[in-house]
Amino acid sequence: MTTGFFGDITSIPFEGPSSTNPLAFKHYDPNEMVAGKRMEDHLRFAICYWHSFCWPGDDPFGGQTFDRPWFPDRMSDPMAAAKLKADVAFEMFSALGAPYFCFHDADVRPEGANFAENTKNLNEIVDYFEGKMADTGIKLLWGTANLFSNRRYMSGAGSNPDPDVFAFAAATVKTCLDATMRLGGENYVLWGGREGYETLLNTNMGSEMDQLGRFFNLVVEYKHKIGFKGTILIEPKPQEPTKHQYDYDVATVYGFLKRYGLEDEVRVNIEQGHAILAGHSFEHELATANALGIFGSIDMNRNDYQSGWDTDQFPNNVPEMAIAYYHIMQAGGFTTGGTNFDSKLRRQSISPDDLLIGHIGGMDCCARGVKAALAMVEDKALSSIVDERYSGWKKPEADKMLTGGFSLGEIAEWVEKADINPQPKSGRQELLENIVNRYV
């Protein structure tokens, strides 16, 4: 018995590139073998709960545009509404053939009068999820806590000047990590949201950073206490909604992890839209995480480059995605992480099947991107040129400069004695860009 929210649509078929059916995959075939692995296992798709089933379609200048039968204006019993929402969610996950989903606690359970009621409501929904997951085989990529929407978090959660808010937030994370472990989640995300400041006039930055450092250490300590085998992830988040966020980008997060002794315990979940807001490209953040050894997972979406806001649109730029997946696949691909669609419909896309169509298009584009990426890795299409560019560092003298075999004075003597007079060499950027375009 289905809810009927998507009409009679129960499964999205793969029809190939020639298909014009908007409710069919053209490029994503989960069982296609690419570089020795099923496409589903390369991409590890997850559907996010919040944008897909919770967002009402509002914006700063207008209210709700979506009509969902589980919304408060349609249903007076919050727990019944939460269960209907779960029914529809798992129908969509199943129709798309997505192997995973992701959620915040506030996405799935009604807000209670206090912490105890929040916990009771969450546990009731976790019970419900267990049945849904057993019936469908769909798994949890990661869970997280919403520590930003409620007004208690207007000045942050772990970084809040009020220790009572810190305690409430920490207790909430404890219950969400418990729920994630119960559901077999493969990761847990520490998503700050409001861990930052609006003005330094009322902010003790040193205190707030020390609070966050302790907050995250508490989570790691509890992970080990309960035997959670998943990965703890932090999602870098710049300048939104606060003026400055402490987890601004991958490099900032790494510095934070090093300062508080967490660099071996925590990885990053990188979102394309957040990379853009930080003034970077998605591939920059991925390459940085790989270079620092902290890559974990991704939130796949795109931003409007003409907007200074996190627009969370469905991804559709295949060359950009190919380069992003190139950095992921070159480093060995996902382990516990995956591709979570942190994407939402435009507020004018009000038909239920728009939810399916948005994800179908994104999944097809990801499939095209990862095929191109894997082919470039296998052919060494980019890496051979990069390796050649850095090949001089394999010479004995170059190695001595890096490993301490040469002092500064000895380098100067070597340059003079060998009459070193280097000439510039082409970086070959246009050639490399053309190679990428050839693969996509």
Protein backbone atom coordinates (compact mmCIF):
# COMPACT_ATOMS: atom_id res chain seq x y z
CA MET A 1 0.00 0.00 0.00
CA THR A 2 1.58 3.27 -1.11
CA THR A 3 0.75 6.82 -0.05
CA GLY A 4 -0.14 7.88 -3.60
CA PHE A 5 2.00 11.01 -3.30
CA PHE A 6 3.85 10.13 -6.52
CA GLY A 7 0.78 8.68 -8.20
CA ASP A 8 1.53 5.30 -9.76
CA ILE A 9 5.29 5.90 -10.03
CA THR A 10 7.09 3.22 -8.04
CA SER A 11 10.35 2.70 -9.93
CA ILE A 12 12.53 4.81 -12.21
CA PRO A 13 13.86 2.66 -15.08
CA PHE A 14 17.15 3.00 -16.92
CA GLU A 15 16.35 3.66 -20.59
CA GLY A 16 19.70 4.89 -21.95
CA PRO A 17 20.92 8.11 -23.58
CA SER A 18 18.36 8.08 -26.39
CA SER A 19 15.39 8.20 -23.99
CA THR A 20 13.29 11.37 -23.77
CA ASN A 21 11.28 10.12 -20.80
CA PRO A 22 11.77 12.63 -17.94
CA LEU A 23 11.07 9.85 -15.44
CA ALA A 24 13.84 7.54 -16.64
CA PHE A 25 17.60 7.42 -16.18
CA LYS A 26 19.65 8.10 -19.29
CA HIS A 27 23.17 7.59 -17.89
CA TYR A 28 22.88 6.17 -14.36
CA ASP A 29 22.67 2.39 -14.46
CA PRO A 30 23.45 1.18 -10.92
CA ASN A 31 24.67 -2.21 -12.14
CA GLU A 32 26.94 -0.93 -14.91
CA MET A 33 30.52 -2.05 -14.30
CA VAL A 34 33.01 0.80 -14.57
CA ALA A 35 36.69 0.30 -13.67
CA GLY A 36 35.86 -2.99 -11.98
CA LYS A 37 33.09 -1.71 -9.73
CA ARG A 38 29.32 -1.21 -10.01
CA MET A 39 28.27 2.37 -10.70
CA GLU A 40 26.12 2.36 -7.55
CA ASP A 41 29.18 1.44 -5.49
CA HIS A 42 31.29 4.21 -7.02
CA LEU A 43 28.72 6.94 -6.35
CA ARG A 44 26.99 5.73 -3.16
CA PHE A 45 24.01 8.06 -3.65
CA ALA A 46 22.07 9.37 -0.67
CA ILE A 47 18.91 11.49 -0.62
CA CYS A 48 18.69 14.24 1.96
CA TYR A 49 15.60 14.43 4.13
CA TRP A 50 15.59 18.18 4.85
CA HIS A 51 15.30 19.83 1.44
CA SER A 52 13.26 17.04 -0.11
CA PHE A 53 10.58 16.64 2.57
CA CYS A 54 10.85 19.53 5.04
CA TRP A 55 11.45 22.73 3.07
CA PRO A 56 8.14 24.53 2.42
CA GLY A 57 9.40 26.51 -0.59
CA ASP A 58 9.79 29.84 1.21
CA ASP A 59 12.40 32.54 0.70
CA PRO A 60 13.19 35.90 2.40
CA PHE A 61 10.36 37.59 0.46
CA GLY A 62 7.72 34.88 0.23
CA GLY A 63 6.18 32.04 2.16
CA GLN A 64 5.28 28.44 1.48
CA THR A 65 4.75 27.34 -2.12
CA PHE A 66 4.82 23.56 -1.66
CA ASP A 67 1.71 21.61 -0.69
CA ARG A 68 2.75 18.51 1.23
CA PRO A 69 0.13 16.39 3.05
CA TRP A 70 2.39 16.03 6.13
CA PHE A 71 2.90 19.80 6.61
CA PRO A 72 1.37 21.34 9.79
CA ASP A 73 -1.29 23.21 7.79
CA ARG A 74 -2.54 19.87 6.47
CA MET A 75 -2.13 17.54 9.44
CA SER A 76 -2.75 18.29 13.12
CA ASP A 77 -1.04 15.22 14.65
CA PRO A 78 2.74 15.86 14.49
CA MET A 79 3.79 12.25 15.01
CA ALA A 80 1.35 10.94 12.43
CA ALA A 81 2.67 13.60 10.04
CA ALA A 82 6.26 12.49 10.71
CA LYS A 83 5.36 8.89 9.89
CA LEU A 84 3.55 9.87 6.70
CA LYS A 85 6.60 11.90 5.72
CA ALA A 86 8.73 8.80 6.31
CA ASP A 87 6.38 6.71 4.18
CA VAL A 88 6.69 9.14 1.26
CA ALA A 89 10.45 9.48 1.77
CA PHE A 90 11.09 5.75 1.55
CA GLU A 91 8.80 5.50 -1.48
CA MET A 92 11.01 8.09 -3.18
CA PHE A 93 14.27 6.48 -2.07
CA SER A 94 13.01 3.15 -3.43
CA ALA A 95 11.72 4.59 -6.71
CA LEU A 96 15.08 6.23 -7.38
CA GLY A 97 17.00 3.13 -6.31
CA ALA A 98 19.10 5.29 -3.96
CA PRO A 99 21.01 3.03 -1.58
CA TYR A 100 21.25 5.63 1.22
CA PHE A 101 19.53 8.58 2.89
CA CYS A 102 20.62 11.30 5.37
CA PHE A 103 18.75 13.28 8.03
CA HIS A 104 18.88 15.80 10.88
CA ASP A 105 16.89 14.94 14.00
CA ALA A 106 14.55 17.90 13.50
CA ASP A 107 13.79 16.74 9.95
CA VAL A 108 12.23 13.49 11.09
CA ARG A 109 10.69 14.05 14.55
CA PRO A 110 8.28 16.70 15.90
CA GLU A 111 9.80 19.41 18.09
CA GLY A 112 8.98 18.63 21.73
CA ALA A 113 8.46 20.86 24.73
CA ASN A 114 11.89 19.93 26.13
CA PHE A 115 14.93 17.71 25.59
CA ALA A 116 13.24 14.59 27.00
CA GLU A 117 10.29 14.95 24.63
CA ASN A 118 12.61 15.55 21.68
CA THR A 119 14.45 12.34 22.55
CA LYS A 120 11.23 10.37 22.94
CA ASN A 121 9.96 11.60 19.57
CA LEU A 122 13.27 10.83 17.86
CA ASN A 123 13.39 7.31 19.26
CA GLU A 124 9.84 6.63 18.09
CA ILE A 125 10.78 7.64 14.55
CA VAL A 126 13.99 5.59 14.72
CA ASP A 127 11.79 2.60 15.55
CA TYR A 128 9.71 3.41 12.47
CA PHE A 129 12.83 3.84 10.31
CA GLU A 130 14.12 0.43 11.37
CA GLY A 131 11.06 -1.22 9.86
CA LYS A 132 11.29 0.87 6.68
CA MET A 133 14.98 0.08 6.24
CA ALA A 134 14.43 -3.62 6.81
CA ASP A 135 11.63 -3.66 4.22
CA THR A 136 13.51 -1.71 1.53
CA GLY A 137 17.20 -2.45 2.14
CA ILE A 138 17.92 1.29 2.14
CA LYS A 139 20.75 2.31 4.48
CA LEU A 140 21.78 5.43 6.37
CA LEU A 141 24.83 7.24 5.00
CA TRP A 142 24.91 9.66 7.91
CA GLY A 143 22.89 11.28 10.64
CA THR A 144 23.31 14.69 12.23
CA ALA A 145 21.69 17.11 14.68
CA ASN A 146 19.97 20.35 13.75
CA LEU A 147 21.78 22.84 15.98
CA PHE A 148 20.77 25.98 14.11
CA SER A 149 17.02 26.32 13.43
CA ASN A 150 15.64 26.71 16.96
CA ARG A 151 15.95 30.20 18.44
CA ARG A 152 18.03 28.81 21.31
CA TYR A 153 20.86 28.47 18.78
CA MET A 154 20.72 32.04 17.48
CA SER A 155 24.23 32.62 18.92
CA GLY A 156 25.57 29.19 18.02
CA ALA A 157 25.50 25.79 19.70
CA GLY A 158 28.94 24.61 20.85
CA SER A 159 30.26 28.16 20.51
CA ASN A 160 27.33 29.78 22.35
CA PRO A 161 28.17 32.20 25.21
CA ASP A 162 25.56 30.41 27.36
CA PRO A 163 26.80 27.08 28.79
CA ASP A 164 23.20 25.85 29.06
CA VAL A 165 22.93 26.01 25.27
CA PHE A 166 26.24 24.14 24.96
CA ALA A 167 24.87 21.44 27.27
CA PHE A 168 21.54 21.17 25.41
CA ALA A 169 23.36 20.91 22.09
CA ALA A 170 25.80 18.29 23.43
CA ALA A 171 22.94 16.21 24.83
CA THR A 172 21.14 16.46 21.49
CA VAL A 173 24.20 15.25 19.58
CA LYS A 174 24.46 12.32 22.00
CA THR A 175 20.91 11.21 21.15
CA CYS A 176 21.50 11.70 17.42
CA LEU A 177 24.73 9.70 17.48
CA ASP A 178 22.86 6.96 19.36
CA ALA A 179 20.16 7.01 16.68
CA THR A 180 22.73 6.93 13.89
CA MET A 181 24.45 3.92 15.42
CA ARG A 182 21.15 2.12 15.95
CA LEU A 183 20.30 2.58 12.27
CA GLY A 184 23.70 1.36 11.09
CA GLY A 185 24.80 4.79 9.88
CA GLU A 186 28.20 4.81 8.22
CA ASN A 187 29.08 8.37 9.29
CA TYR A 188 28.00 11.10 11.69
CA VAL A 189 28.20 14.76 10.61
CA LEU A 190 28.95 17.70 12.89
CA TRP A 191 27.16 20.44 10.99
CA GLY A 192 27.65 23.77 12.75
CA GLY A 193 25.22 26.03 10.95
CA ARG A 194 25.57 28.97 13.32
CA GLU A 195 29.01 28.36 14.82
CA GLY A 196 30.32 31.84 14.13
CA TYR A 197 29.65 35.47 14.95
CA GLU A 198 27.77 38.49 13.66
CA THR A 199 30.05 41.07 15.27
CA LEU A 200 33.30 40.96 17.22
CA LEU A 201 31.93 43.67 19.49
CA ASN A 202 30.14 41.02 21.59
CA THR A 203 32.34 37.99 20.82
CA ASN A 204 35.18 36.29 22.71
CA MET A 205 36.61 34.34 19.81
CA GLY A 206 39.19 32.46 21.85
CA SER A 207 36.56 31.21 24.28
CA GLU A 208 34.20 30.15 21.49
CA MET A 209 36.89 28.22 19.61
CA ASP A 210 37.97 26.44 22.81
CA GLN A 211 34.33 25.55 23.46
CA LEU A 212 33.98 24.08 19.97
CA GLY A 213 37.21 22.15 20.40
CA ARG A 214 35.89 20.60 23.59
CA PHE A 215 32.47 19.97 22.02
CA PHE A 216 33.97 17.96 19.16
CA ASN A 217 36.29 16.06 21.49
CA LEU A 218 33.27 15.09 23.59
CA VAL A 219 31.65 13.62 20.47
CA VAL A 220 34.77 11.65 19.54
CA GLU A 221 35.13 10.36 23.11
CA TYR A 222 31.49 9.24 23.10
CA LYS A 223 31.90 7.58 19.70
CA HIS A 224 34.62 5.36 21.11
CA LYS A 225 32.72 4.73 24.34
CA ILE A 226 29.69 3.30 22.52
CA GLY A 227 31.74 1.53 19.83
CA PHE A 228 30.45 3.52 16.85
CA LYS A 229 32.53 2.36 13.89
CA GLY A 230 31.47 5.12 11.49
CA THR A 231 33.43 8.22 10.53
CA ILE A 232 32.91 11.57 12.27
CA LEU A 233 32.64 14.33 9.67
CA ILE A 234 32.67 18.13 9.84
CA GLU A 235 31.03 20.09 7.03
CA PRO A 236 32.90 23.33 6.21
CA LYS A 237 30.46 26.24 6.10
CA PRO A 238 31.43 29.85 5.26
CA GLN A 239 29.76 33.23 5.97
CA GLU A 240 26.17 32.00 6.05
CA PRO A 241 24.05 32.68 7.95
CA THR A 242 26.51 34.43 10.28
CA LYS A 243 29.06 36.97 9.13
CA HIS A 244 31.96 34.64 9.86
CA GLN A 245 31.92 30.90 10.55
CA TYR A 246 34.67 29.07 12.45
CA ASP A 247 34.48 26.13 10.00
CA TYR A 248 34.92 28.38 6.96
CA ASP A 249 36.62 25.97 4.55
CA VAL A 250 38.65 22.75 4.48
CA ALA A 251 41.94 24.45 5.33
CA THR A 252 40.36 26.30 8.27
CA VAL A 253 38.81 23.08 9.55
CA TYR A 254 42.15 21.29 9.31
CA GLY A 255 43.85 23.99 11.35
CA PHE A 256 41.07 23.68 13.94
CA LEU A 257 41.40 19.88 14.06
CA LYS A 258 45.18 20.12 14.50
CA ARG A 259 44.85 22.65 17.32
CA TYR A 260 42.45 20.46 19.28
CA GLY A 261 44.08 17.08 18.55
CA LEU A 262 41.35 15.79 16.26
CA GLU A 263 43.16 15.46 12.93
CA ASP A 264 43.27 11.66 13.19
CA GLU A 265 39.63 11.35 14.30
CA VAL A 266 37.58 13.63 12.06
CA ARG A 267 37.18 13.98 8.29
CA VAL A 268 35.32 16.52 6.16
CA ASN A 269 32.02 16.38 4.32
CA ILE A 270 32.46 18.90 1.50
CA GLU A 271 29.54 20.66 -0.17
CA GLN A 272 29.89 22.18 -3.64
CA GLY A 273 27.75 25.18 -2.70
CA HIS A 274 29.77 25.93 0.42
CA ALA A 275 33.02 25.75 -1.56
CA ILE A 276 31.68 28.48 -3.86
CA LEU A 277 30.61 30.66 -0.92
CA ALA A 278 34.12 30.35 0.51
CA GLY A 279 35.56 31.73 -2.73
CA HIS A 280 36.90 28.37 -3.88
CA SER A 281 36.01 25.77 -6.47
CA PHE A 282 34.63 22.38 -5.44
CA GLU A 283 37.73 20.64 -6.78
CA HIS A 284 39.97 22.98 -4.75
CA GLU A 285 38.30 21.88 -1.53
CA LEU A 286 38.45 18.21 -2.56
CA ALA A 287 42.13 18.46 -3.52
CA THR A 288 42.91 20.27 -0.26
CA ALA A 289 41.17 17.58 1.79
CA ASN A 290 43.02 14.82 -0.07
CA ALA A 291 46.37 16.58 0.36
CA LEU A 292 45.73 16.93 4.11
CA GLY A 293 44.39 13.39 4.49
CA ILE A 294 40.95 14.39 5.80
CA PHE A 295 38.58 13.68 2.90
CA GLY A 296 35.41 11.87 3.90
CA SER A 297 32.24 12.54 1.90
CA ILE A 298 30.42 15.09 -0.28
CA ASP A 299 27.16 16.98 -0.49
CA MET A 300 26.43 17.32 -4.19
CA ASN A 301 24.60 20.41 -5.41
CA ARG A 302 25.47 23.65 -7.19
CA ASN A 303 25.20 27.34 -6.47
CA ASP A 304 23.99 30.14 -8.68
CA TYR A 305 27.22 31.98 -9.48
CA GLN A 306 25.29 35.27 -9.67
CA SER A 307 23.97 34.90 -6.13
CA GLY A 308 25.80 35.32 -2.83
CA TRP A 309 23.58 32.75 -1.15
CA ASP A 310 23.54 28.98 -0.80
CA THR A 311 21.01 28.17 -3.52
CA ASP A 312 21.39 24.35 -3.30
CA GLN A 313 20.34 23.65 -6.88
CA PHE A 314 20.53 20.20 -8.40
CA PRO A 315 23.89 19.59 -10.11
CA ASN A 316 23.90 19.77 -13.90
CA ASN A 317 27.39 20.93 -14.95
CA VAL A 318 29.04 17.72 -16.15
CA PRO A 319 32.57 19.13 -16.74
CA GLU A 320 32.63 20.54 -13.18
CA MET A 321 31.43 17.23 -11.80
CA ALA A 322 33.96 15.26 -13.82
CA ILE A 323 36.82 17.28 -12.32
CA ALA A 324 35.37 16.93 -8.82
CA TYR A 325 34.98 13.16 -9.12
CA TYR A 326 38.45 13.00 -10.69
CA HIS A 327 39.95 14.19 -7.41
CA ILE A 328 37.81 11.73 -5.45
CA MET A 329 38.58 8.76 -7.69
CA GLN A 330 42.26 9.59 -8.06
CA ALA A 331 42.52 9.34 -4.26
CA GLY A 332 40.84 5.92 -4.27
CA GLY A 333 37.14 6.80 -4.22
CA PHE A 334 34.73 6.78 -1.31
CA THR A 335 35.14 4.54 1.73
CA THR A 336 32.42 5.31 4.29
CA GLY A 337 31.39 8.47 2.43
CA GLY A 338 29.19 8.99 -0.59
CA THR A 339 27.28 11.43 -2.77
CA ASN A 340 24.50 13.07 -0.78
CA PHE A 341 22.08 15.26 -2.73
CA ASP A 342 21.90 18.35 -0.53
CA SER A 343 19.76 19.84 -3.29
CA LYS A 344 16.33 21.40 -3.35
CA LEU A 345 13.69 22.22 -5.91
CA ARG A 346 13.10 25.75 -7.09
CA ARG A 347 10.11 27.17 -5.23
CA GLN A 348 8.09 27.26 -8.45
CA SER A 349 8.61 23.50 -9.02
CA ILE A 350 5.53 22.44 -7.09
CA SER A 351 4.56 19.11 -8.69
CA PRO A 352 5.41 15.95 -6.69
CA ASP A 353 7.20 14.40 -9.66
CA ASP A 354 9.54 17.42 -9.77
CA LEU A 355 11.23 15.84 -6.74
CA LEU A 356 11.93 12.72 -8.77
CA ILE A 357 12.95 14.60 -11.91
CA GLY A 358 15.45 16.78 -10.03
CA HIS A 359 17.16 13.76 -8.53
CA ILE A 360 17.06 11.80 -11.81
CA GLY A 361 18.87 14.62 -13.60
CA GLY A 362 21.44 14.96 -10.82
CA MET A 363 22.11 11.23 -10.69
CA ASP A 364 22.52 11.09 -14.47
CA CYS A 365 24.98 13.98 -14.41
CA CYS A 366 26.95 12.37 -11.58
CA ALA A 367 27.15 9.15 -13.57
CA ARG A 368 28.50 11.00 -16.59
CA GLY A 369 30.98 12.85 -14.38
CA VAL A 370 32.29 9.75 -12.63
CA LYS A 371 32.65 7.84 -15.93
CA ALA A 372 34.76 10.66 -17.32
CA ALA A 373 36.74 10.88 -14.09
CA LEU A 374 37.49 7.16 -13.97
CA ALA A 375 38.54 7.15 -17.63
CA MET A 376 40.92 10.06 -17.02
CA VAL A 377 42.40 8.28 -14.00
CA GLU A 378 42.84 5.01 -15.92
CA ASP A 379 44.39 6.73 -18.96
CA LYS A 380 46.54 9.01 -16.79
CA ALA A 381 45.21 11.73 -19.05
CA LEU A 382 45.93 14.51 -16.58
CA SER A 383 48.31 12.89 -14.09
CA SER A 384 50.97 12.05 -16.71
CA ILE A 385 51.27 15.74 -17.61
CA VAL A 386 51.30 16.80 -13.95
CA ASP A 387 53.90 14.11 -13.12
CA GLU A 388 56.12 15.34 -15.93
CA ARG A 389 55.79 18.92 -14.70
CA TYR A 390 57.09 17.93 -11.24
CA SER A 391 59.59 15.31 -12.42
CA GLY A 392 62.58 17.51 -11.54
CA TRP A 393 61.89 16.90 -7.86
CA LYS A 394 63.03 13.31 -8.31
CA LYS A 395 66.63 14.44 -8.89
CA PRO A 396 69.05 13.84 -5.98
CA GLU A 397 69.73 17.54 -5.41
CA ALA A 398 66.03 18.35 -5.32
CA ASP A 399 65.43 15.57 -2.83
CA LYS A 400 68.23 16.93 -0.61
CA MET A 401 66.56 20.36 -0.60
CA LEU A 402 63.32 18.84 0.68
CA THR A 403 64.74 16.38 3.19
CA GLY A 404 67.22 18.70 4.89
CA GLY A 405 70.34 17.48 3.14
CA PHE A 406 71.07 21.02 1.94
CA SER A 407 71.25 24.14 4.06
CA LEU A 408 70.32 27.49 2.54
CA GLY A 409 73.97 28.32 2.08
CA GLU A 410 74.70 24.96 0.45
CA ILE A 411 71.83 25.50 -1.98
CA ALA A 412 73.37 28.83 -2.97
CA GLU A 413 76.79 27.15 -3.49
CA TRP A 414 75.18 24.42 -5.62
CA VAL A 415 73.30 26.93 -7.80
CA GLU A 416 76.53 28.89 -8.41
CA LYS A 417 78.73 25.85 -9.02
CA ALA A 418 76.26 24.13 -11.36
CA ASP A 419 75.48 27.44 -13.09
CA ILE A 420 71.74 26.84 -12.69
CA ASN A 421 69.76 29.31 -14.77
CA PRO A 422 66.19 27.94 -15.07
CA GLN A 423 63.89 28.97 -17.89
CA PRO A 424 60.09 28.99 -17.61
CA LYS A 425 58.13 26.02 -18.94
CA SER A 426 54.53 26.00 -20.14
CA GLY A 427 51.86 25.03 -17.61
CA ARG A 428 49.74 23.62 -20.48
CA GLN A 429 46.45 24.77 -18.95
CA GLU A 430 44.57 25.00 -22.25
CA LEU A 431 45.70 21.52 -23.24
CA LEU A 432 44.49 20.10 -19.91
CA GLU A 433 41.13 21.88 -20.20
CA ASN A 434 40.71 20.45 -23.69
CA ILE A 435 41.51 16.97 -22.39
CA VAL A 436 38.79 17.23 -19.75
CA ASN A 437 36.27 18.36 -22.38
CA ARG A 438 37.25 15.43 -24.59
CA TYR A 439 36.36 12.97 -21.83
CA VAL A 440 32.99 14.53 -20.98
